[in-house]
């Protein structure tokens, strides 16, 4: 089955998943959410694909949720804590899917990665960044909590509590050099070489034992930290649902 908002390409044992709404910096709408869910579900039982590279089409990785889409920001049914929670969970479940699939994930961050797009990079095991990449845990900038879509679990694990708090509590934009300093990205690459580097790394990983790769990913998730990602996301979803419902009333106190 073909996709409209993403692209999936097989390169031997490496799969390349491209967020493909370049005209809006690959902002995530409901169709993209559904297609990402379908693609990740296919990988769950895909024994041919050993490593997955995730990138964005055009000049951005992903600007996050498509806040220009009224179906997202102003649904017909409105927002109550219950409906906001269901909607929130439908997006954050993508992060759990990324961690549950057996393939290690490499993010090839070619441009802006903000909000939900930032969380998608965090859910990858390894991150390579173009020198033009920008990052933002932008959630708090739109009036909701700064902990969203696994960010409060994944970001501190990658960069430490202090660095994560600084950016989760301000929503400030930071560049590839700052991401490298913190340890968020493992390498900065010239834009025209980014995919070559990502595919080379994926190929090296794919040459290892498939079972070994799968079990290494599982062990690293289990053995770092005491709170599970799923527990962290449930807490985030509850908090964001309350914030979204509050925003819908126009009362921000």
Protein backbone atom coordinates (compact mmCIF):
# COMPACT_ATOMS: atom_id res chain seq x y z
CA UNK A 1 0.00 0.00 0.00
CA UNK A 2 1.30 3.45 -0.90
CA UNK A 3 1.43 6.34 1.53
CA UNK A 4 0.55 9.99 0.98
CA UNK A 5 2.21 11.78 3.91
CA UNK A 6 5.25 9.55 4.39
CA UNK A 7 7.56 7.55 2.16
CA UNK A 8 9.02 4.15 2.94
CA UNK A 9 11.90 2.74 0.92
CA UNK A 10 13.80 -0.50 1.34
CA UNK A 11 17.56 -0.46 0.80
CA UNK A 12 18.58 -4.05 1.42
CA UNK A 13 18.33 -4.68 5.18
CA UNK A 14 17.85 -0.95 5.87
CA UNK A 15 14.47 0.79 5.75
CA UNK A 16 14.23 4.54 5.14
CA UNK A 17 11.17 6.28 6.55
CA UNK A 18 10.71 9.84 5.31
CA UNK A 19 8.18 12.29 6.71
CA UNK A 20 6.78 13.74 3.51
CA UNK A 21 4.84 16.96 3.86
CA UNK A 22 7.65 19.31 2.84
CA UNK A 23 5.39 22.28 2.11
CA UNK A 24 4.65 22.57 5.84
CA UNK A 25 8.01 21.36 7.20
CA UNK A 26 6.55 17.86 7.57
CA UNK A 27 4.09 18.94 10.24
CA UNK A 28 2.12 15.98 11.56
CA UNK A 29 -1.61 15.81 10.87
CA UNK A 30 -4.04 12.97 11.47
CA UNK A 31 -3.32 11.24 8.12
CA UNK A 32 0.42 11.29 8.83
CA UNK A 33 -0.18 9.96 12.32
CA UNK A 34 -2.22 7.09 10.90
CA UNK A 35 0.33 6.30 8.18
CA UNK A 36 3.20 6.35 10.67
CA UNK A 37 1.25 3.97 12.89
CA UNK A 38 0.66 1.63 9.94
CA UNK A 39 4.29 1.75 8.80
CA UNK A 40 5.65 1.09 12.29
CA UNK A 41 3.17 -1.73 12.79
CA UNK A 42 4.46 -3.34 9.59
CA UNK A 43 8.02 -3.16 10.95
CA UNK A 44 7.01 -5.01 14.11
CA UNK A 45 6.87 -8.29 12.18
CA UNK A 46 9.35 -7.37 9.44
CA UNK A 47 12.30 -9.76 9.70
CA UNK A 48 13.99 -8.43 6.55
CA UNK A 49 14.53 -4.88 7.85
CA UNK A 50 17.26 -4.78 10.46
CA UNK A 51 17.75 -1.01 10.89
CA UNK A 52 15.45 1.94 10.23
CA UNK A 53 16.56 5.46 9.20
CA UNK A 54 14.08 8.27 9.86
CA UNK A 55 14.36 11.64 8.09
CA UNK A 56 12.28 14.46 6.64
CA UNK A 57 11.61 15.59 3.07
CA UNK A 58 12.72 19.04 1.98
CA UNK A 59 14.38 21.50 4.33
CA UNK A 60 12.92 20.31 7.63
CA UNK A 61 12.73 17.16 9.72
CA UNK A 62 9.35 17.94 11.31
CA UNK A 63 7.86 21.12 12.75
CA UNK A 64 5.67 19.05 15.09
CA UNK A 65 1.89 18.86 15.10
CA UNK A 66 0.21 20.80 12.34
CA UNK A 67 -1.29 23.60 14.42
CA UNK A 68 -2.72 25.18 11.26
CA UNK A 69 -5.02 22.18 10.91
CA UNK A 70 -8.31 23.03 12.63
CA UNK A 71 -9.08 19.33 13.03
CA UNK A 72 -6.19 19.27 15.51
CA UNK A 73 -6.54 22.65 17.20
CA UNK A 74 -10.31 23.14 17.08
CA UNK A 75 -12.11 19.81 16.64
CA UNK A 76 -15.87 19.76 16.23
CA UNK A 77 -16.33 17.92 19.51
CA UNK A 78 -14.23 20.47 21.43
CA UNK A 79 -11.88 19.55 24.24
CA UNK A 80 -12.75 18.00 27.55
CA UNK A 81 -10.09 16.33 29.71
CA UNK A 82 -11.35 12.95 28.47
CA UNK A 83 -11.37 13.81 24.75
CA UNK A 84 -8.04 15.64 25.02
CA UNK A 85 -6.50 12.57 26.64
CA UNK A 86 -7.72 10.25 23.88
CA UNK A 87 -6.39 12.60 21.19
CA UNK A 88 -3.09 13.09 23.04
CA UNK A 89 -2.58 9.35 23.45
CA UNK A 90 -3.21 8.74 19.74
CA UNK A 91 -0.08 10.76 18.97
CA UNK A 92 2.12 9.72 21.87
CA UNK A 93 1.52 6.04 21.10
CA UNK A 94 3.76 6.58 18.06
CA UNK A 95 6.71 7.02 20.42
CA UNK A 96 5.94 3.74 22.15
CA UNK A 97 5.71 2.04 18.77
CA UNK A 98 9.14 3.36 17.82
CA UNK A 99 10.65 1.85 20.95
CA UNK A 100 8.73 -1.44 20.61
CA UNK A 101 9.72 -2.29 17.05
CA UNK A 102 12.78 -4.56 16.97
CA UNK A 103 14.81 -2.41 14.58
CA UNK A 104 17.23 0.19 15.97
CA UNK A 105 16.37 3.65 14.65
CA UNK A 106 18.74 6.29 13.30
CA UNK A 107 17.43 9.86 13.00
CA UNK A 108 18.94 11.80 10.10
CA UNK A 109 17.91 15.27 11.24
CA UNK A 110 18.09 17.43 8.13
CA UNK A 111 16.46 20.61 9.48
CA UNK A 112 14.05 21.83 12.13
CA UNK A 113 12.83 19.21 14.62
CA UNK A 114 10.31 20.80 16.96
CA UNK A 115 7.58 19.59 19.28
CA UNK A 116 6.33 16.20 18.15
CA UNK A 117 9.11 16.16 15.55
CA UNK A 118 11.63 16.61 18.36
CA UNK A 119 10.09 13.69 20.26
CA UNK A 120 10.41 11.51 17.17
CA UNK A 121 14.15 12.25 17.06
CA UNK A 122 14.40 11.44 20.77
CA UNK A 123 12.70 8.08 20.20
CA UNK A 124 15.51 7.09 17.84
CA UNK A 125 18.53 5.24 19.19
CA UNK A 126 21.11 7.35 17.36
CA UNK A 127 20.85 10.88 15.97
CA UNK A 128 22.92 12.36 13.17
CA UNK A 129 22.34 16.04 12.49
CA UNK A 130 22.88 18.22 9.47
CA UNK A 131 24.84 21.37 10.30
CA UNK A 132 21.56 23.18 9.50
CA UNK A 133 19.50 21.23 12.04
CA UNK A 134 17.57 23.05 14.74
CA UNK A 135 15.79 21.56 17.75
CA UNK A 136 13.06 22.70 20.12
CA UNK A 137 10.97 21.08 22.83
CA UNK A 138 8.37 23.58 21.73
CA UNK A 139 5.37 22.23 23.64
CA UNK A 140 5.52 24.79 26.43
CA UNK A 141 5.48 27.63 23.88
CA UNK A 142 1.85 26.92 22.97
CA UNK A 143 0.52 26.95 26.51
CA UNK A 144 0.73 23.27 27.40
CA UNK A 145 3.28 21.45 29.54
CA UNK A 146 6.87 21.03 28.36
CA UNK A 147 6.73 17.27 28.95
CA UNK A 148 5.06 15.67 25.94
CA UNK A 149 5.28 12.54 23.77
CA UNK A 150 7.95 10.85 25.88
CA UNK A 151 10.13 13.95 26.15
CA UNK A 152 10.39 13.89 29.95
CA UNK A 153 11.75 10.32 29.83
CA UNK A 154 13.83 10.37 26.65
CA UNK A 155 15.42 13.84 26.75
CA UNK A 156 16.98 13.63 30.26
CA UNK A 157 18.30 10.16 29.45
CA UNK A 158 20.11 11.61 26.44
CA UNK A 159 21.47 14.87 27.88
CA UNK A 160 20.94 14.87 31.67
CA UNK A 161 18.32 16.57 33.80
CA UNK A 162 19.86 20.04 33.80
CA UNK A 163 20.20 20.33 30.04
CA UNK A 164 16.77 18.81 29.46
CA UNK A 165 15.10 21.08 32.01
CA UNK A 166 16.69 24.16 30.48
CA UNK A 167 15.10 23.50 27.09
CA UNK A 168 11.87 21.81 28.19
CA UNK A 169 10.99 24.71 30.48
CA UNK A 170 11.78 27.45 27.94
CA UNK A 171 11.01 25.88 24.58
CA UNK A 172 14.12 27.65 23.28
CA UNK A 173 15.53 26.71 19.90
CA UNK A 174 19.04 25.23 19.86
CA UNK A 175 21.34 24.33 17.02
CA UNK A 176 23.34 21.25 16.03
CA UNK A 177 26.44 22.41 17.90
CA UNK A 178 24.53 22.72 21.16
CA UNK A 179 22.90 19.35 20.49
CA UNK A 180 26.35 17.81 20.05
CA UNK A 181 27.68 19.50 23.20
CA UNK A 182 24.84 18.01 25.25
CA UNK A 183 25.17 14.57 23.68
CA UNK A 184 21.78 14.68 21.98
CA UNK A 185 23.34 14.06 18.57
CA UNK A 186 26.30 11.82 17.94
CA UNK A 187 27.61 13.53 14.81
CA UNK A 188 27.17 16.72 12.78
CA UNK A 189 27.30 16.15 9.04
CA UNK A 190 27.34 18.41 6.00
CA UNK A 191 23.78 18.59 4.62
CA UNK A 192 24.67 16.92 1.31
CA UNK A 193 26.34 14.00 3.12
CA UNK A 194 23.77 13.40 5.85
CA UNK A 195 21.89 10.50 4.27
CA UNK A 196 25.11 8.87 3.05
CA UNK A 197 26.45 8.91 6.62
CA UNK A 198 23.17 7.64 8.06
CA UNK A 199 22.95 4.81 5.53
CA UNK A 200 26.60 3.87 6.08
CA UNK A 201 26.03 3.65 9.83
CA UNK A 202 22.80 1.71 9.29
CA UNK A 203 24.62 -0.69 6.99
CA UNK A 204 27.32 -1.30 9.57
CA UNK A 205 24.70 -2.01 12.23
CA UNK A 206 22.69 -4.21 9.86
CA UNK A 207 25.77 -6.38 9.30
CA UNK A 208 25.64 -7.50 12.93
CA UNK A 209 23.52 -10.27 14.38
CA UNK A 210 19.81 -9.37 13.90
CA UNK A 211 18.98 -10.93 17.25
CA UNK A 212 21.91 -9.15 18.85
CA UNK A 213 20.67 -5.78 17.58
CA UNK A 214 17.13 -6.42 18.82
CA UNK A 215 18.25 -7.59 22.25
CA UNK A 216 20.70 -4.68 22.62
CA UNK A 217 17.88 -2.19 21.99
CA UNK A 218 15.66 -4.02 24.50
CA UNK A 219 18.38 -4.16 27.15
CA UNK A 220 19.24 -0.47 26.86
CA UNK A 221 15.60 0.49 27.32
CA UNK A 222 15.20 -1.81 30.33
CA UNK A 223 18.46 -0.97 32.08
CA UNK A 224 18.56 2.82 32.03
CA UNK A 225 16.38 4.52 34.62
CA UNK A 226 13.70 3.19 36.93
CA UNK A 227 10.53 4.58 35.36
CA UNK A 228 9.29 3.06 32.13
CA UNK A 229 8.62 5.13 29.04
CA UNK A 230 5.01 3.94 29.12
CA UNK A 231 4.60 5.16 32.71
CA UNK A 232 6.17 8.50 31.81
CA UNK A 233 3.92 8.93 28.77
CA UNK A 234 0.79 8.15 30.80
CA UNK A 235 1.71 10.92 33.22
CA UNK A 236 2.47 13.31 30.36
CA UNK A 237 -0.80 12.48 28.59
CA UNK A 238 -2.80 13.19 31.74
CA UNK A 239 -1.03 16.51 32.28
CA UNK A 240 -1.33 17.60 28.65
CA UNK A 241 -5.02 16.69 28.53
CA UNK A 242 -5.63 18.97 31.51
CA UNK A 243 -3.61 21.77 29.89
CA UNK A 244 -5.42 21.38 26.54
CA UNK A 245 -8.83 21.44 28.23
CA UNK A 246 -7.78 24.55 30.16
CA UNK A 247 -6.65 26.26 26.96
CA UNK A 248 -10.01 25.47 25.37
CA UNK A 249 -11.77 27.42 28.11
CA UNK A 250 -9.57 30.47 27.56
CA UNK A 251 -8.69 30.56 31.26
CA UNK A 252 -4.97 30.17 31.83
CA UNK A 253 -4.76 30.74 35.56
